[in-house]
Amino acid sequence: MNNSHITRSALTSISIGVFILMTFTYAVQAATSSQWVRVADHAAFSERDSADGAVFLGGIWISNAYRVEGAVRDLWNSSDGVTWTKALDNTPYDPYAEMAVFQNKLWAVKGSVWNSTDGVKWTQVCNKTPFGPRGFGKLVVFQDKLWRLDFGYGIWCSCDGVNWTRVLAKAPYGQRTASAVTVYAGKLWLCGGSSTTRCSPLEEHYTNIATYNDVWCSSDGANWTRVIEHAPWLPRMWVLACEYAGKLWIIGGFSNRETKNFADCWTTTDGMKWEEFKFEAMWSPRHQPTIYIFKDSLWLVGGDMWPPMMTNDVWKLTIPDGGKLK
């Protein structure tokens, strides 16, 4: 009886162990087997880069992009990334306005501030911002406010889009532009980018520009900490960042050192330790695409493949198991 009991207990333990191992193996395989899927070869809008976008009213929106012949002033939306509807042919807000969803409205901020409840009818709430229309900025929602990182010219925030407060005049990372900026784990993050600095040896493409692979964060927008000076990913500009599957991501970008684009994704939970998330299926190397977190997936739209060759394809990555990256 004892031997039989021991045998049955041992078999039960082994069965449970095998089940746990199989479950763990499946979870790891499910996470690592996630692939980018091309949802559309060519969206209805023109090829573009540097477009801004937002998730609003149950869809993804894209607007105000760059093309070689000049600024694109239209606004489109889609509920599936395949079928796109043009909301406006000529947007009233500034070219290259940065967009965010705030207080249940879609906002466009640059030299002026506009908002909309439907994406079609727009209201100007501020005719002249204190930071003006210059350069590459980044608009995010943080601590129930609109925040605008005016690279090199300070950090601003607003509770209403009308009254803006300069939280910081000069950030410790310097007059940085084309950086990846996002909100993650209750902090503002800035990764990489460029500045008008001649470094030694000179970088190959724009010789008066230096690019970086450092990472900075701030819990209040005023005090910034350099988390790491040299991340394992190569220095880059025109790079994107987002929070997805419980991690901070950086995506793509342009190497000014080697005159080439990147087709890579790196993730971290603390800004110091980074891991490249590799895929068998992948979008082509590019900079300045538009990215979204929509329907539990990470979306990538358009961008620029160097030399200048815009694209309007649409890609989607879905991490299984509730959206947590293993």
C-alpha atoms as a PDB file:
ATOM      1  CA  MET A   1       0.000   0.000   0.000  1.00  0.00           C
ATOM      2  CA  ASN A   2       2.780   2.456   0.885  1.00  0.00           C
ATOM      3  CA  ASN A   3       4.692   1.776  -2.351  1.00  0.00           C
ATOM      4  CA  SER A   4       1.488   2.152  -4.337  1.00  0.00           C
ATOM      5  CA  HIS A   5       0.682   5.372  -2.525  1.00  0.00           C
ATOM      6  CA  ILE A   6       4.179   6.717  -3.117  1.00  0.00           C
ATOM      7  CA  THR A   7       3.973   5.749  -6.775  1.00  0.00           C
ATOM      8  CA  ARG A   8       0.642   7.475  -7.233  1.00  0.00           C
ATOM      9  CA  SER A   9       1.926  10.599  -5.418  1.00  0.00           C
ATOM     10  CA  ALA A  10       5.092  10.626  -7.486  1.00  0.00           C
ATOM     11  CA  LEU A  11       3.120  10.278 -10.713  1.00  0.00           C
ATOM     12  CA  THR A  12       0.794  13.082  -9.642  1.00  0.00           C
ATOM     13  CA  SER A  13       3.739  15.364  -8.873  1.00  0.00           C
ATOM     14  CA  ILE A  14       5.377  14.504 -12.182  1.00  0.00           C
ATOM     15  CA  SER A  15       2.134  15.205 -14.053  1.00  0.00           C
ATOM     16  CA  ILE A  16       1.741  18.569 -12.358  1.00  0.00           C
ATOM     17  CA  GLY A  17       5.373  19.407 -13.076  1.00  0.00           C
ATOM     18  CA  VAL A  18       5.020  18.453 -16.737  1.00  0.00           C
ATOM     19  CA  PHE A  19       1.834  20.557 -16.987  1.00  0.00           C
ATOM     20  CA  ILE A  20       3.552  23.590 -15.460  1.00  0.00           C
ATOM     21  CA  LEU A  21       6.574  23.136 -17.744  1.00  0.00           C
ATOM     22  CA  MET A  22       4.361  22.812 -20.816  1.00  0.00           C
ATOM     23  CA  THR A  23       2.365  25.890 -19.799  1.00  0.00           C
ATOM     24  CA  PHE A  24       5.547  27.903 -19.240  1.00  0.00           C
ATOM     25  CA  THR A  25       7.044  26.693 -22.522  1.00  0.00           C
ATOM     26  CA  TYR A  26       3.877  27.607 -24.394  1.00  0.00           C
ATOM     27  CA  ALA A  27       3.825  31.072 -22.828  1.00  0.00           C
ATOM     28  CA  VAL A  28       7.440  31.723 -23.780  1.00  0.00           C
ATOM     29  CA  GLN A  29       6.898  30.373 -27.298  1.00  0.00           C
ATOM     30  CA  ALA A  30       3.745  32.456 -27.666  1.00  0.00           C
ATOM     31  CA  ALA A  31       5.616  35.613 -26.650  1.00  0.00           C
ATOM     32  CA  THR A  32       8.696  34.964 -28.776  1.00  0.00           C
ATOM     33  CA  SER A  33       6.709  33.782 -31.802  1.00  0.00           C
ATOM     34  CA  SER A  34       4.797  37.080 -32.060  1.00  0.00           C
ATOM     35  CA  GLN A  35       5.428  38.615 -35.455  1.00  0.00           C
ATOM     36  CA  TRP A  36       4.715  41.828 -37.261  1.00  0.00           C
ATOM     37  CA  VAL A  37       1.849  41.381 -39.705  1.00  0.00           C
ATOM     38  CA  ARG A  38       1.468  43.672 -42.706  1.00  0.00           C
ATOM     39  CA  VAL A  39      -2.157  44.780 -42.551  1.00  0.00           C
ATOM     40  CA  ALA A  40      -2.040  46.940 -45.691  1.00  0.00           C
ATOM     41  CA  ASP A  41       0.515  47.345 -48.470  1.00  0.00           C
ATOM     42  CA  HIS A  42      -0.774  50.798 -49.384  1.00  0.00           C
ATOM     43  CA  ALA A  43      -3.190  52.811 -47.270  1.00  0.00           C
ATOM     44  CA  ALA A  44      -5.582  55.236 -48.960  1.00  0.00           C
ATOM     45  CA  PHE A  45      -3.494  58.272 -47.966  1.00  0.00           C
ATOM     46  CA  SER A  46      -0.276  59.285 -49.701  1.00  0.00           C
ATOM     47  CA  GLU A  47       3.157  58.013 -48.729  1.00  0.00           C
ATOM     48  CA  ARG A  48       4.605  60.057 -45.862  1.00  0.00           C
ATOM     49  CA  ASP A  49       6.809  60.365 -42.817  1.00  0.00           C
ATOM     50  CA  SER A  50       6.762  62.492 -39.645  1.00  0.00           C
ATOM     51  CA  ALA A  51       2.969  62.265 -39.492  1.00  0.00           C
ATOM     52  CA  ASP A  52       1.438  62.653 -36.069  1.00  0.00           C
ATOM     53  CA  GLY A  53      -1.440  60.547 -34.842  1.00  0.00           C
ATOM     54  CA  ALA A  54      -3.642  59.460 -31.985  1.00  0.00           C
ATOM     55  CA  VAL A  55      -6.163  56.822 -30.957  1.00  0.00           C
ATOM     56  CA  PHE A  56      -9.535  58.579 -30.845  1.00  0.00           C
ATOM     57  CA  LEU A  57     -13.219  57.634 -31.135  1.00  0.00           C
ATOM     58  CA  GLY A  58     -12.472  53.951 -31.618  1.00  0.00           C
ATOM     59  CA  GLY A  59      -9.922  54.380 -34.377  1.00  0.00           C
ATOM     60  CA  ILE A  60      -6.397  55.464 -35.300  1.00  0.00           C
ATOM     61  CA  TRP A  61      -5.925  58.939 -36.770  1.00  0.00           C
ATOM     62  CA  ILE A  62      -3.048  60.246 -38.872  1.00  0.00           C
ATOM     63  CA  SER A  63      -2.364  63.817 -39.933  1.00  0.00           C
ATOM     64  CA  ASN A  64       0.023  66.506 -41.117  1.00  0.00           C
ATOM     65  CA  ALA A  65       2.998  64.714 -42.559  1.00  0.00           C
ATOM     66  CA  TYR A  66       6.162  65.452 -44.488  1.00  0.00           C
ATOM     67  CA  ARG A  67       6.722  64.792 -48.161  1.00  0.00           C
ATOM     68  CA  VAL A  68       9.618  65.965 -50.319  1.00  0.00           C
ATOM     69  CA  GLU A  69       7.354  68.417 -52.132  1.00  0.00           C
ATOM     70  CA  GLY A  70       6.094  69.955 -48.887  1.00  0.00           C
ATOM     71  CA  ALA A  71       3.821  69.548 -45.894  1.00  0.00           C
ATOM     72  CA  VAL A  72       0.751  67.315 -46.129  1.00  0.00           C
ATOM     73  CA  ARG A  73      -2.307  68.939 -44.540  1.00  0.00           C
ATOM     74  CA  ASP A  74      -4.907  66.135 -44.485  1.00  0.00           C
ATOM     75  CA  LEU A  75      -6.464  64.028 -41.702  1.00  0.00           C
ATOM     76  CA  TRP A  76      -7.479  60.355 -41.969  1.00  0.00           C
ATOM     77  CA  ASN A  77      -8.841  57.694 -39.618  1.00  0.00           C
ATOM     78  CA  SER A  78      -9.355  53.933 -39.577  1.00  0.00           C
ATOM     79  CA  SER A  79     -10.927  51.368 -37.268  1.00  0.00           C
ATOM     80  CA  ASP A  80      -8.888  48.438 -38.629  1.00  0.00           C
ATOM     81  CA  GLY A  81      -5.803  49.855 -40.371  1.00  0.00           C
ATOM     82  CA  VAL A  82      -7.083  48.584 -43.724  1.00  0.00           C
ATOM     83  CA  THR A  83      -9.926  50.910 -44.643  1.00  0.00           C
ATOM     84  CA  TRP A  84      -9.136  54.603 -44.178  1.00  0.00           C
ATOM     85  CA  THR A  85     -11.557  57.541 -44.287  1.00  0.00           C
ATOM     86  CA  LYS A  86     -10.505  61.094 -45.047  1.00  0.00           C
ATOM     87  CA  ALA A  87     -11.883  63.409 -42.363  1.00  0.00           C
ATOM     88  CA  LEU A  88     -10.313  66.598 -43.759  1.00  0.00           C
ATOM     89  CA  ASP A  89      -8.442  67.492 -46.910  1.00  0.00           C
ATOM     90  CA  ASN A  90      -6.993  70.722 -45.548  1.00  0.00           C
ATOM     91  CA  THR A  91      -6.601  70.882 -41.769  1.00  0.00           C
ATOM     92  CA  PRO A  92      -6.981  74.292 -40.078  1.00  0.00           C
ATOM     93  CA  TYR A  93      -4.148  73.772 -37.591  1.00  0.00           C
ATOM     94  CA  ASP A  94      -0.455  74.382 -38.216  1.00  0.00           C
ATOM     95  CA  PRO A  95       1.656  72.160 -40.480  1.00  0.00           C
ATOM     96  CA  TYR A  96       3.398  69.409 -38.507  1.00  0.00           C
ATOM     97  CA  ALA A  97       1.150  70.017 -35.483  1.00  0.00           C
ATOM     98  CA  GLU A  98       1.607  67.474 -32.703  1.00  0.00           C
ATOM     99  CA  MET A  99      -1.487  65.528 -31.660  1.00  0.00           C
ATOM    100  CA  ALA A 100      -2.840  64.024 -28.446  1.00  0.00           C
ATOM    101  CA  VAL A 101      -6.138  62.972 -26.908  1.00  0.00           C
ATOM    102  CA  PHE A 102      -6.950  65.026 -23.827  1.00  0.00           C
ATOM    103  CA  GLN A 103     -10.231  65.665 -21.973  1.00  0.00           C
ATOM    104  CA  ASN A 104     -12.100  63.535 -24.527  1.00  0.00           C
ATOM    105  CA  LYS A 105     -10.963  65.719 -27.408  1.00  0.00           C
ATOM    106  CA  LEU A 106      -8.394  65.438 -30.179  1.00  0.00           C
ATOM    107  CA  TRP A 107      -5.802  68.206 -29.867  1.00  0.00           C
ATOM    108  CA  ALA A 108      -3.371  69.702 -32.397  1.00  0.00           C
ATOM    109  CA  VAL A 109      -0.602  71.869 -30.948  1.00  0.00           C
ATOM    110  CA  LYS A 110       2.176  73.869 -32.574  1.00  0.00           C
ATOM    111  CA  GLY A 111       2.234  77.646 -33.040  1.00  0.00           C
ATOM    112  CA  SER A 112      -1.451  77.627 -32.115  1.00  0.00           C
ATOM    113  CA  VAL A 113      -3.751  75.201 -30.298  1.00  0.00           C
ATOM    114  CA  TRP A 114      -6.863  73.541 -31.718  1.00  0.00           C
ATOM    115  CA  ASN A 115      -9.184  70.791 -30.510  1.00  0.00           C
ATOM    116  CA  SER A 116     -12.080  68.753 -31.817  1.00  0.00           C
ATOM    117  CA  THR A 117     -14.736  66.405 -30.470  1.00  0.00           C
ATOM    118  CA  ASP A 118     -15.176  64.567 -33.786  1.00  0.00           C
ATOM    119  CA  GLY A 119     -12.014  65.201 -35.843  1.00  0.00           C
ATOM    120  CA  VAL A 120     -14.001  67.165 -38.445  1.00  0.00           C
ATOM    121  CA  LYS A 121     -15.019  70.404 -36.737  1.00  0.00           C
ATOM    122  CA  TRP A 122     -12.077  72.144 -35.076  1.00  0.00           C
ATOM    123  CA  THR A 123     -11.961  75.021 -32.575  1.00  0.00           C
ATOM    124  CA  GLN A 124      -8.975  77.279 -32.055  1.00  0.00           C
ATOM    125  CA  VAL A 125      -8.464  77.757 -28.314  1.00  0.00           C
ATOM    126  CA  CYS A 126      -5.082  79.520 -28.438  1.00  0.00           C
ATOM    127  CA  ASN A 127      -3.917  81.581 -31.394  1.00  0.00           C
ATOM    128  CA  LYS A 128      -0.280  81.869 -30.348  1.00  0.00           C
ATOM    129  CA  THR A 129       1.647  79.465 -28.139  1.00  0.00           C
ATOM    130  CA  PRO A 130       4.622  80.739 -26.101  1.00  0.00           C
ATOM    131  CA  PHE A 131       6.930  78.157 -27.692  1.00  0.00           C
ATOM    132  CA  GLY A 132       5.930  78.912 -31.277  1.00  0.00           C
ATOM    133  CA  PRO A 133       5.875  76.730 -34.406  1.00  0.00           C
ATOM    134  CA  ARG A 134       9.567  75.932 -34.646  1.00  0.00           C
ATOM    135  CA  GLY A 135      11.269  72.573 -34.932  1.00  0.00           C
ATOM    136  CA  PHE A 136      10.487  69.060 -33.816  1.00  0.00           C
ATOM    137  CA  GLY A 137       8.446  69.014 -30.625  1.00  0.00           C
ATOM    138  CA  LYS A 138       6.579  66.247 -28.866  1.00  0.00           C
ATOM    139  CA  LEU A 139       3.133  66.437 -27.271  1.00  0.00           C
ATOM    140  CA  VAL A 140       2.117  63.932 -24.582  1.00  0.00           C
ATOM    141  CA  VAL A 141      -0.459  63.660 -21.826  1.00  0.00           C
ATOM    142  CA  PHE A 142       1.159  63.324 -18.416  1.00  0.00           C
ATOM    143  CA  GLN A 143      -0.258  63.846 -14.919  1.00  0.00           C
ATOM    144  CA  ASP A 144      -3.599  65.025 -16.350  1.00  0.00           C
ATOM    145  CA  LYS A 145      -1.969  67.807 -18.350  1.00  0.00           C
ATOM    146  CA  LEU A 146      -0.778  68.441 -21.874  1.00  0.00           C
ATOM    147  CA  TRP A 147       3.012  68.455 -21.976  1.00  0.00           C
ATOM    148  CA  ARG A 148       5.051  69.813 -24.836  1.00  0.00           C
ATOM    149  CA  LEU A 149       8.752  69.059 -25.025  1.00  0.00           C
ATOM    150  CA  ASP A 150      10.081  71.884 -27.155  1.00  0.00           C
ATOM    151  CA  PHE A 151      13.457  70.362 -27.861  1.00  0.00           C
ATOM    152  CA  GLY A 152      16.164  72.811 -26.916  1.00  0.00           C
ATOM    153  CA  TYR A 153      13.722  75.509 -25.848  1.00  0.00           C
ATOM    154  CA  GLY A 154      12.234  74.140 -22.664  1.00  0.00           C
ATOM    155  CA  ILE A 155       9.427  71.980 -21.375  1.00  0.00           C
ATOM    156  CA  TRP A 156       5.886  73.299 -21.145  1.00  0.00           C
ATOM    157  CA  CYS A 157       2.617  72.059 -19.651  1.00  0.00           C
ATOM    158  CA  SER A 158      -1.020  73.132 -19.676  1.00  0.00           C
ATOM    159  CA  CYS A 159      -4.268  72.136 -17.995  1.00  0.00           C
ATOM    160  CA  ASP A 160      -6.442  73.639 -20.736  1.00  0.00           C
ATOM    161  CA  GLY A 161      -4.316  74.154 -23.855  1.00  0.00           C
ATOM    162  CA  VAL A 162      -4.698  77.925 -23.458  1.00  0.00           C
ATOM    163  CA  ASN A 163      -2.436  78.787 -20.550  1.00  0.00           C
ATOM    164  CA  TRP A 164       1.047  77.266 -20.757  1.00  0.00           C
ATOM    165  CA  THR A 165       3.670  77.115 -18.012  1.00  0.00           C
ATOM    166  CA  ARG A 166       7.341  76.634 -18.765  1.00  0.00           C
ATOM    167  CA  VAL A 167       8.397  73.991 -16.282  1.00  0.00           C
ATOM    168  CA  LEU A 168      12.011  73.950 -17.429  1.00  0.00           C
ATOM    169  CA  ALA A 169      13.899  76.461 -19.562  1.00  0.00           C
ATOM    170  CA  LYS A 170      16.943  74.347 -20.373  1.00  0.00           C
ATOM    171  CA  ALA A 171      16.884  70.578 -20.053  1.00  0.00           C
ATOM    172  CA  PRO A 172      20.122  68.812 -18.988  1.00  0.00           C
ATOM    173  CA  TYR A 173      20.158  66.764 -22.198  1.00  0.00           C
ATOM    174  CA  GLY A 174      20.724  69.981 -24.152  1.00  0.00           C
ATOM    175  CA  GLN A 175      19.167  71.232 -27.368  1.00  0.00           C
ATOM    176  CA  ARG A 176      18.081  67.795 -28.419  1.00  0.00           C
ATOM    177  CA  THR A 177      15.787  67.111 -31.373  1.00  0.00           C
ATOM    178  CA  ALA A 178      14.374  64.089 -33.241  1.00  0.00           C
ATOM    179  CA  SER A 179      14.369  62.107 -29.971  1.00  0.00           C
ATOM    180  CA  ALA A 180      12.004  59.340 -28.899  1.00  0.00           C
ATOM    181  CA  VAL A 181       9.646  60.682 -26.218  1.00  0.00           C
ATOM    182  CA  THR A 182       6.855  58.912 -24.368  1.00  0.00           C
ATOM    183  CA  VAL A 183       5.246  58.307 -20.977  1.00  0.00           C
ATOM    184  CA  TYR A 184       6.083  55.043 -19.227  1.00  0.00           C
ATOM    185  CA  ALA A 185       5.748  53.841 -15.623  1.00  0.00           C
ATOM    186  CA  GLY A 186       4.544  57.234 -14.428  1.00  0.00           C
ATOM    187  CA  LYS A 187       7.491  59.144 -15.908  1.00  0.00           C
ATOM    188  CA  LEU A 188       8.437  61.136 -18.965  1.00  0.00           C
ATOM    189  CA  TRP A 189      11.155  59.449 -21.033  1.00  0.00           C
ATOM    190  CA  LEU A 190      13.515  60.762 -23.708  1.00  0.00           C
ATOM    191  CA  CYS A 191      15.749  58.411 -25.696  1.00  0.00           C
ATOM    192  CA  GLY A 192      18.431  59.236 -28.253  1.00  0.00           C
ATOM    193  CA  GLY A 193      17.984  61.991 -30.817  1.00  0.00           C
ATOM    194  CA  SER A 194      20.410  64.562 -32.196  1.00  0.00           C
ATOM    195  CA  SER A 195      21.885  68.008 -31.611  1.00  0.00           C
ATOM    196  CA  THR A 196      23.708  70.503 -33.778  1.00  0.00           C
ATOM    197  CA  THR A 197      27.124  69.541 -32.488  1.00  0.00           C
ATOM    198  CA  ARG A 198      30.202  68.573 -34.475  1.00  0.00           C
ATOM    199  CA  CYS A 199      31.629  65.459 -32.909  1.00  0.00           C
ATOM    200  CA  SER A 200      34.948  63.723 -33.482  1.00  0.00           C
ATOM    201  CA  PRO A 201      35.075  61.807 -35.682  1.00  0.00           C
ATOM    202  CA  LEU A 202      32.423  63.632 -37.698  1.00  0.00           C
ATOM    203  CA  GLU A 203      29.248  61.730 -38.362  1.00  0.00           C
ATOM    204  CA  GLU A 204      28.872  60.783 -41.996  1.00  0.00           C
ATOM    205  CA  HIS A 205      25.557  62.192 -43.198  1.00  0.00           C
ATOM    206  CA  TYR A 206      25.012  65.569 -41.539  1.00  0.00           C
ATOM    207  CA  THR A 207      28.495  66.517 -40.399  1.00  0.00           C
ATOM    208  CA  ASN A 208      27.223  69.290 -38.118  1.00  0.00           C
ATOM    209  CA  ILE A 209      25.002  66.880 -36.167  1.00  0.00           C
ATOM    210  CA  ALA A 210      25.767  64.450 -33.347  1.00  0.00           C
ATOM    211  CA  THR A 211      23.434  61.585 -32.472  1.00  0.00           C
ATOM    212  CA  TYR A 212      22.944  59.835 -29.147  1.00  0.00           C
ATOM    213  CA  ASN A 213      21.913  56.568 -27.523  1.00  0.00           C
ATOM    214  CA  ASP A 214      21.361  57.891 -24.005  1.00  0.00           C
ATOM    215  CA  VAL A 215      18.172  57.558 -21.953  1.00  0.00           C
ATOM    216  CA  TRP A 216      16.633  60.197 -19.666  1.00  0.00           C
ATOM    217  CA  CYS A 217      13.550  60.204 -17.446  1.00  0.00           C
ATOM    218  CA  SER A 218      11.629  62.585 -15.187  1.00  0.00           C
ATOM    219  CA  SER A 219       8.788  62.174 -12.710  1.00  0.00           C
ATOM    220  CA  ASP A 220       7.823  65.865 -12.786  1.00  0.00           C
ATOM    221  CA  GLY A 221       9.126  67.308 -16.083  1.00  0.00           C
ATOM    222  CA  ALA A 222      11.523  69.603 -14.237  1.00  0.00           C
ATOM    223  CA  ASN A 223      14.105  67.238 -12.788  1.00  0.00           C
ATOM    224  CA  TRP A 224      15.714  64.817 -15.217  1.00  0.00           C
ATOM    225  CA  THR A 225      17.940  61.819 -14.587  1.00  0.00           C
ATOM    226  CA  ARG A 226      20.235  60.255 -17.151  1.00  0.00           C
ATOM    227  CA  VAL A 227      19.479  56.583 -16.664  1.00  0.00           C
ATOM    228  CA  ILE A 228      22.190  55.398 -19.033  1.00  0.00           C
ATOM    229  CA  GLU A 229      24.692  57.272 -21.199  1.00  0.00           C
ATOM    230  CA  HIS A 230      25.148  54.558 -23.821  1.00  0.00           C
ATOM    231  CA  ALA A 231      22.332  52.059 -24.312  1.00  0.00           C
ATOM    232  CA  PRO A 232      23.156  48.884 -26.306  1.00  0.00           C
ATOM    233  CA  TRP A 233      21.222  50.160 -29.323  1.00  0.00           C
ATOM    234  CA  LEU A 234      23.175  52.337 -31.759  1.00  0.00           C
ATOM    235  CA  PRO A 235      22.884  56.154 -31.682  1.00  0.00           C
ATOM    236  CA  ARG A 236      19.953  57.384 -33.757  1.00  0.00           C
ATOM    237  CA  MET A 237      17.629  60.252 -34.607  1.00  0.00           C
ATOM    238  CA  TRP A 238      14.031  60.368 -35.894  1.00  0.00           C
ATOM    239  CA  VAL A 239      13.262  57.460 -33.571  1.00  0.00           C
ATOM    240  CA  LEU A 240       9.920  56.597 -31.914  1.00  0.00           C
ATOM    241  CA  ALA A 241       9.048  55.382 -28.409  1.00  0.00           C
ATOM    242  CA  CYS A 242       5.952  53.970 -26.718  1.00  0.00           C
ATOM    243  CA  GLU A 243       4.752  51.848 -23.819  1.00  0.00           C
ATOM    244  CA  TYR A 244       3.458  48.437 -24.837  1.00  0.00           C
ATOM    245  CA  ALA A 245       3.111  45.018 -23.197  1.00  0.00           C
ATOM    246  CA  GLY A 246       4.384  46.356 -19.900  1.00  0.00           C
ATOM    247  CA  LYS A 247       7.655  47.696 -21.334  1.00  0.00           C
ATOM    248  CA  LEU A 248       9.208  50.806 -22.817  1.00  0.00           C
ATOM    249  CA  TRP A 249       9.943  50.395 -26.545  1.00  0.00           C
ATOM    250  CA  ILE A 250      12.079  52.291 -29.028  1.00  0.00           C
ATOM    251  CA  ILE A 251      11.416  51.658 -32.700  1.00  0.00           C
ATOM    252  CA  GLY A 252      13.433  52.315 -35.853  1.00  0.00           C
ATOM    253  CA  GLY A 253      15.232  55.574 -36.554  1.00  0.00           C
ATOM    254  CA  PHE A 254      18.091  56.898 -38.675  1.00  0.00           C
ATOM    255  CA  SER A 255      21.840  56.476 -38.209  1.00  0.00           C
ATOM    256  CA  ASN A 256      23.557  59.753 -38.989  1.00  0.00           C
ATOM    257  CA  ARG A 257      26.884  57.997 -38.510  1.00  0.00           C
ATOM    258  CA  GLU A 258      26.304  55.476 -41.287  1.00  0.00           C
ATOM    259  CA  THR A 259      23.524  57.080 -43.395  1.00  0.00           C
ATOM    260  CA  LYS A 260      21.101  54.224 -42.954  1.00  0.00           C
ATOM    261  CA  ASN A 261      17.775  53.466 -41.320  1.00  0.00           C
ATOM    262  CA  PHE A 262      17.097  50.906 -38.628  1.00  0.00           C
ATOM    263  CA  ALA A 263      14.508  48.115 -38.633  1.00  0.00           C
ATOM    264  CA  ASP A 264      14.686  47.122 -34.998  1.00  0.00           C
ATOM    265  CA  CYS A 265      12.748  47.164 -31.727  1.00  0.00           C
ATOM    266  CA  TRP A 266      14.320  47.391 -28.284  1.00  0.00           C
ATOM    267  CA  THR A 267      12.529  47.010 -24.946  1.00  0.00           C
ATOM    268  CA  THR A 268      13.279  47.755 -21.302  1.00  0.00           C
ATOM    269  CA  THR A 269      11.575  47.930 -17.930  1.00  0.00           C
ATOM    270  CA  ASP A 270      14.033  50.313 -16.281  1.00  0.00           C
ATOM    271  CA  GLY A 271      15.776  52.243 -19.075  1.00  0.00           C
ATOM    272  CA  MET A 272      19.148  50.637 -18.227  1.00  0.00           C
ATOM    273  CA  LYS A 273      18.851  47.037 -19.341  1.00  0.00           C
ATOM    274  CA  TRP A 274      17.677  46.758 -22.936  1.00  0.00           C
ATOM    275  CA  GLU A 275      16.832  43.733 -25.045  1.00  0.00           C
ATOM    276  CA  GLU A 276      16.368  43.617 -28.784  1.00  0.00           C
ATOM    277  CA  PHE A 277      13.026  42.034 -29.618  1.00  0.00           C
ATOM    278  CA  LYS A 278      13.734  40.208 -32.880  1.00  0.00           C
ATOM    279  CA  PHE A 279      11.231  38.984 -35.452  1.00  0.00           C
ATOM    280  CA  GLU A 280      11.244  36.794 -38.537  1.00  0.00           C
ATOM    281  CA  ALA A 281       8.721  39.039 -40.285  1.00  0.00           C
ATOM    282  CA  MET A 282       9.626  42.698 -40.161  1.00  0.00           C
ATOM    283  CA  TRP A 283       8.920  46.043 -41.773  1.00  0.00           C
ATOM    284  CA  SER A 284      11.670  47.581 -43.877  1.00  0.00           C
ATOM    285  CA  PRO A 285      14.267  49.924 -42.282  1.00  0.00           C
ATOM    286  CA  ARG A 286      12.777  53.389 -41.808  1.00  0.00           C
ATOM    287  CA  HIS A 287      12.595  56.504 -39.712  1.00  0.00           C
ATOM    288  CA  GLN A 288       9.733  58.676 -38.503  1.00  0.00           C
ATOM    289  CA  PRO A 289       6.836  56.248 -38.938  1.00  0.00           C
ATOM    290  CA  THR A 290       3.652  56.817 -36.931  1.00  0.00           C
ATOM    291  CA  ILE A 291       2.992  54.378 -34.091  1.00  0.00           C
ATOM    292  CA  TYR A 292      -0.085  53.580 -32.011  1.00  0.00           C
ATOM    293  CA  ILE A 293      -1.239  51.275 -29.239  1.00  0.00           C
ATOM    294  CA  PHE A 294      -4.673  50.179 -30.459  1.00  0.00           C
ATOM    295  CA  LYS A 295      -6.820  47.110 -29.749  1.00  0.00           C
ATOM    296  CA  ASP A 296      -4.051  45.563 -27.605  1.00  0.00           C
ATOM    297  CA  SER A 297      -1.609  45.754 -30.501  1.00  0.00           C
ATOM    298  CA  LEU A 298       1.346  47.900 -31.495  1.00  0.00           C
ATOM    299  CA  TRP A 299       0.785  49.535 -34.886  1.00  0.00           C
ATOM    300  CA  LEU A 300       3.328  51.084 -37.247  1.00  0.00           C
ATOM    301  CA  VAL A 301       2.275  53.206 -40.222  1.00  0.00           C
ATOM    302  CA  GLY A 302       4.353  54.706 -43.033  1.00  0.00           C
ATOM    303  CA  GLY A 303       7.735  56.329 -42.551  1.00  0.00           C
ATOM    304  CA  ASP A 304      10.772  57.120 -44.683  1.00  0.00           C
ATOM    305  CA  MET A 305      13.239  54.627 -46.103  1.00  0.00           C
ATOM    306  CA  TRP A 306      16.569  56.287 -46.951  1.00  0.00           C
ATOM    307  CA  PRO A 307      17.278  57.633 -49.534  1.00  0.00           C
ATOM    308  CA  PRO A 308      13.983  59.525 -49.449  1.00  0.00           C
ATOM    309  CA  MET A 309      11.334  56.996 -50.338  1.00  0.00           C
ATOM    310  CA  MET A 310       8.137  57.447 -48.391  1.00  0.00           C
ATOM    311  CA  THR A 311       5.804  54.569 -47.693  1.00  0.00           C
ATOM    312  CA  ASN A 312       2.166  54.202 -46.604  1.00  0.00           C
ATOM    313  CA  ASP A 313       2.094  50.588 -45.486  1.00  0.00           C
ATOM    314  CA  VAL A 314       0.479  49.475 -42.213  1.00  0.00           C
ATOM    315  CA  TRP A 315       1.893  46.889 -39.778  1.00  0.00           C
ATOM    316  CA  LYS A 316       0.623  45.368 -36.543  1.00  0.00           C
ATOM    317  CA  LEU A 317       2.265  43.434 -33.708  1.00  0.00           C
ATOM    318  CA  THR A 318       0.192  41.608 -31.093  1.00  0.00           C
ATOM    319  CA  ILE A 319       1.762  40.216 -27.940  1.00  0.00           C
ATOM    320  CA  PRO A 320      -0.453  37.377 -26.607  1.00  0.00           C
ATOM    321  CA  ASP A 321      -1.346  36.421 -23.044  1.00  0.00           C
ATOM    322  CA  GLY A 322      -3.032  39.654 -22.076  1.00  0.00           C
ATOM    323  CA  GLY A 323      -0.438  41.879 -23.661  1.00  0.00           C
ATOM    324  CA  LYS A 324       2.410  41.114 -21.266  1.00  0.00           C
ATOM    325  CA  LEU A 325       5.826  40.596 -22.776  1.00  0.00           C
ATOM    326  CA  LYS A 326       7.647  37.586 -21.307  1.00  0.00           C
END
